[in-house]
Amino acid sequence: MIDLIDFFLKIATIFSIVMSAGMVLSNNVYTFISLLISLVLIIFSILRKRKDKH
């Protein structure tokens, strides 16, 4: 279960980064929001990795 959640988070971060990269050409507001979402997902994944180590 935990591995699947980590895998889903990685897919979500990659998807949001790709979406933000595509939206740079169209709208800056959506790009900023998607970048914030990707940063939050990356922070959550790092925190989960640190919790698993300890």
N, C-alpha and C. Protein backbone atom coordinates (compact mmCIF):
# COMPACT_ATOMS: atom_id res chain seq x y z
N MET A 1 0.84 -1.21 0.00
CA MET A 1 0.00 0.00 0.00
C MET A 1 0.88 1.26 0.00
N ILE A 2 1.88 1.31 0.90
CA ILE A 2 2.74 2.49 1.00
C ILE A 2 3.53 2.67 -0.30
N ASP A 3 4.00 1.55 -0.88
CA ASP A 3 4.76 1.65 -2.13
C ASP A 3 3.88 2.19 -3.25
N LEU A 4 2.62 1.75 -3.29
CA LEU A 4 1.70 2.23 -4.32
C LEU A 4 1.45 3.72 -4.15
N ILE A 5 1.34 4.19 -2.91
CA ILE A 5 1.11 5.62 -2.66
C ILE A 5 2.32 6.42 -3.13
N ASP A 6 3.53 5.94 -2.82
CA ASP A 6 4.75 6.63 -3.28
C ASP A 6 4.80 6.67 -4.80
N PHE A 7 4.44 5.54 -5.45
CA PHE A 7 4.45 5.47 -6.91
C PHE A 7 3.45 6.46 -7.49
N PHE A 8 2.26 6.55 -6.87
CA PHE A 8 1.23 7.48 -7.33
C PHE A 8 1.70 8.92 -7.17
N LEU A 9 2.38 9.22 -6.06
CA LEU A 9 2.88 10.58 -5.84
C LEU A 9 3.91 10.94 -6.89
N LYS A 10 4.78 9.99 -7.25
CA LYS A 10 5.80 10.26 -8.27
C LYS A 10 5.14 10.54 -9.62
N ILE A 11 4.12 9.74 -9.97
CA ILE A 11 3.41 9.96 -11.23
C ILE A 11 2.71 11.32 -11.21
N ALA A 12 2.12 11.67 -10.06
CA ALA A 12 1.41 12.95 -9.95
C ALA A 12 2.37 14.12 -10.10
N THR A 13 3.56 14.01 -9.51
CA THR A 13 4.54 15.10 -9.61
C THR A 13 5.01 15.25 -11.05
N ILE A 14 5.32 14.13 -11.71
CA ILE A 14 5.77 14.19 -13.10
C ILE A 14 4.67 14.78 -13.98
N PHE A 15 3.41 14.34 -13.76
CA PHE A 15 2.29 14.83 -14.56
C PHE A 15 2.10 16.33 -14.36
N SER A 16 2.17 16.79 -13.10
CA SER A 16 1.97 18.22 -12.83
C SER A 16 3.10 19.06 -13.43
N ILE A 17 4.33 18.54 -13.38
CA ILE A 17 5.46 19.27 -13.97
C ILE A 17 5.29 19.37 -15.48
N VAL A 18 4.86 18.28 -16.12
CA VAL A 18 4.64 18.31 -17.57
C VAL A 18 3.51 19.27 -17.92
N MET A 19 2.43 19.24 -17.13
CA MET A 19 1.30 20.14 -17.37
C MET A 19 1.73 21.59 -17.21
N SER A 20 2.52 21.87 -16.16
CA SER A 20 2.97 23.26 -15.94
C SER A 20 3.88 23.71 -17.08
N ALA A 21 4.75 22.81 -17.54
CA ALA A 21 5.65 23.15 -18.65
C ALA A 21 4.84 23.48 -19.90
N GLY A 22 3.73 22.77 -20.12
CA GLY A 22 2.88 23.04 -21.27
C GLY A 22 2.09 24.33 -21.11
N MET A 23 1.72 24.65 -19.87
CA MET A 23 0.89 25.83 -19.63
C MET A 23 1.70 27.11 -19.58
N VAL A 24 3.03 27.00 -19.55
CA VAL A 24 3.87 28.20 -19.58
C VAL A 24 3.54 29.03 -20.82
N LEU A 25 3.22 28.36 -21.92
CA LEU A 25 2.95 29.05 -23.18
C LEU A 25 1.58 29.72 -23.16
N SER A 26 0.63 29.21 -22.36
CA SER A 26 -0.74 29.71 -22.43
C SER A 26 -1.07 30.68 -21.30
N ASN A 27 -0.85 30.28 -20.05
CA ASN A 27 -1.28 31.12 -18.93
C ASN A 27 -0.33 30.99 -17.76
N ASN A 28 0.12 32.13 -17.23
CA ASN A 28 1.09 32.11 -16.14
C ASN A 28 0.45 31.75 -14.80
N VAL A 29 -0.83 32.10 -14.61
CA VAL A 29 -1.49 31.81 -13.34
C VAL A 29 -1.61 30.31 -13.13
N TYR A 30 -2.09 29.59 -14.16
CA TYR A 30 -2.22 28.13 -14.05
C TYR A 30 -0.86 27.48 -13.86
N THR A 31 0.16 28.04 -14.48
CA THR A 31 1.52 27.51 -14.33
C THR A 31 1.98 27.64 -12.89
N PHE A 32 1.72 28.79 -12.28
CA PHE A 32 2.13 29.02 -10.90
C PHE A 32 1.42 28.06 -9.96
N ILE A 33 0.10 27.86 -10.18
CA ILE A 33 -0.67 26.96 -9.32
C ILE A 33 -0.17 25.53 -9.47
N SER A 34 0.07 25.08 -10.70
CA SER A 34 0.53 23.71 -10.92
C SER A 34 1.93 23.50 -10.35
N LEU A 35 2.79 24.52 -10.44
CA LEU A 35 4.12 24.41 -9.85
C LEU A 35 4.03 24.31 -8.33
N LEU A 36 3.11 25.06 -7.71
CA LEU A 36 2.93 24.97 -6.26
C LEU A 36 2.46 23.57 -5.88
N ILE A 37 1.53 23.00 -6.67
CA ILE A 37 1.04 21.65 -6.39
C ILE A 37 2.17 20.64 -6.50
N SER A 38 3.00 20.77 -7.53
CA SER A 38 4.12 19.83 -7.71
C SER A 38 5.12 19.96 -6.56
N LEU A 39 5.39 21.19 -6.11
CA LEU A 39 6.31 21.38 -4.99
C LEU A 39 5.75 20.75 -3.72
N VAL A 40 4.45 20.90 -3.48
CA VAL A 40 3.82 20.30 -2.29
C VAL A 40 3.93 18.78 -2.35
N LEU A 41 3.67 18.20 -3.53
CA LEU A 41 3.77 16.74 -3.68
C LEU A 41 5.20 16.27 -3.46
N ILE A 42 6.18 17.01 -3.95
CA ILE A 42 7.58 16.63 -3.76
C ILE A 42 7.94 16.69 -2.27
N ILE A 43 7.47 17.73 -1.57
CA ILE A 43 7.76 17.85 -0.13
C ILE A 43 7.13 16.68 0.62
N PHE A 44 5.88 16.31 0.28
CA PHE A 44 5.23 15.19 0.95
C PHE A 44 6.00 13.89 0.71
N SER A 45 6.48 13.68 -0.51
CA SER A 45 7.22 12.45 -0.82
C SER A 45 8.53 12.40 -0.04
N ILE A 46 9.20 13.56 0.09
CA ILE A 46 10.46 13.60 0.85
C ILE A 46 10.19 13.31 2.32
N LEU A 47 9.11 13.89 2.87
CA LEU A 47 8.78 13.65 4.27
C LEU A 47 8.46 12.18 4.51
N ARG A 48 7.75 11.54 3.56
CA ARG A 48 7.42 10.11 3.71
C ARG A 48 8.69 9.27 3.67
N LYS A 49 9.62 9.61 2.81
CA LYS A 49 10.88 8.86 2.74
C LYS A 49 11.65 8.99 4.04
N ARG A 50 11.67 10.19 4.64
CA ARG A 50 12.38 10.39 5.90
C ARG A 50 11.69 9.62 7.02
N LYS A 51 10.35 9.57 7.02
CA LYS A 51 9.63 8.81 8.05
C LYS A 51 9.91 7.32 7.91
N ASP A 52 9.98 6.83 6.67
CA ASP A 52 10.25 5.41 6.45
C ASP A 52 11.66 5.05 6.92
N LYS A 53 12.61 5.96 6.76
CA LYS A 53 13.99 5.68 7.18
C LYS A 53 14.08 5.59 8.70
N HIS A 54 13.35 6.49 9.40
CA HIS A 54 13.47 6.52 10.86
C HIS A 54 12.59 5.52 11.54
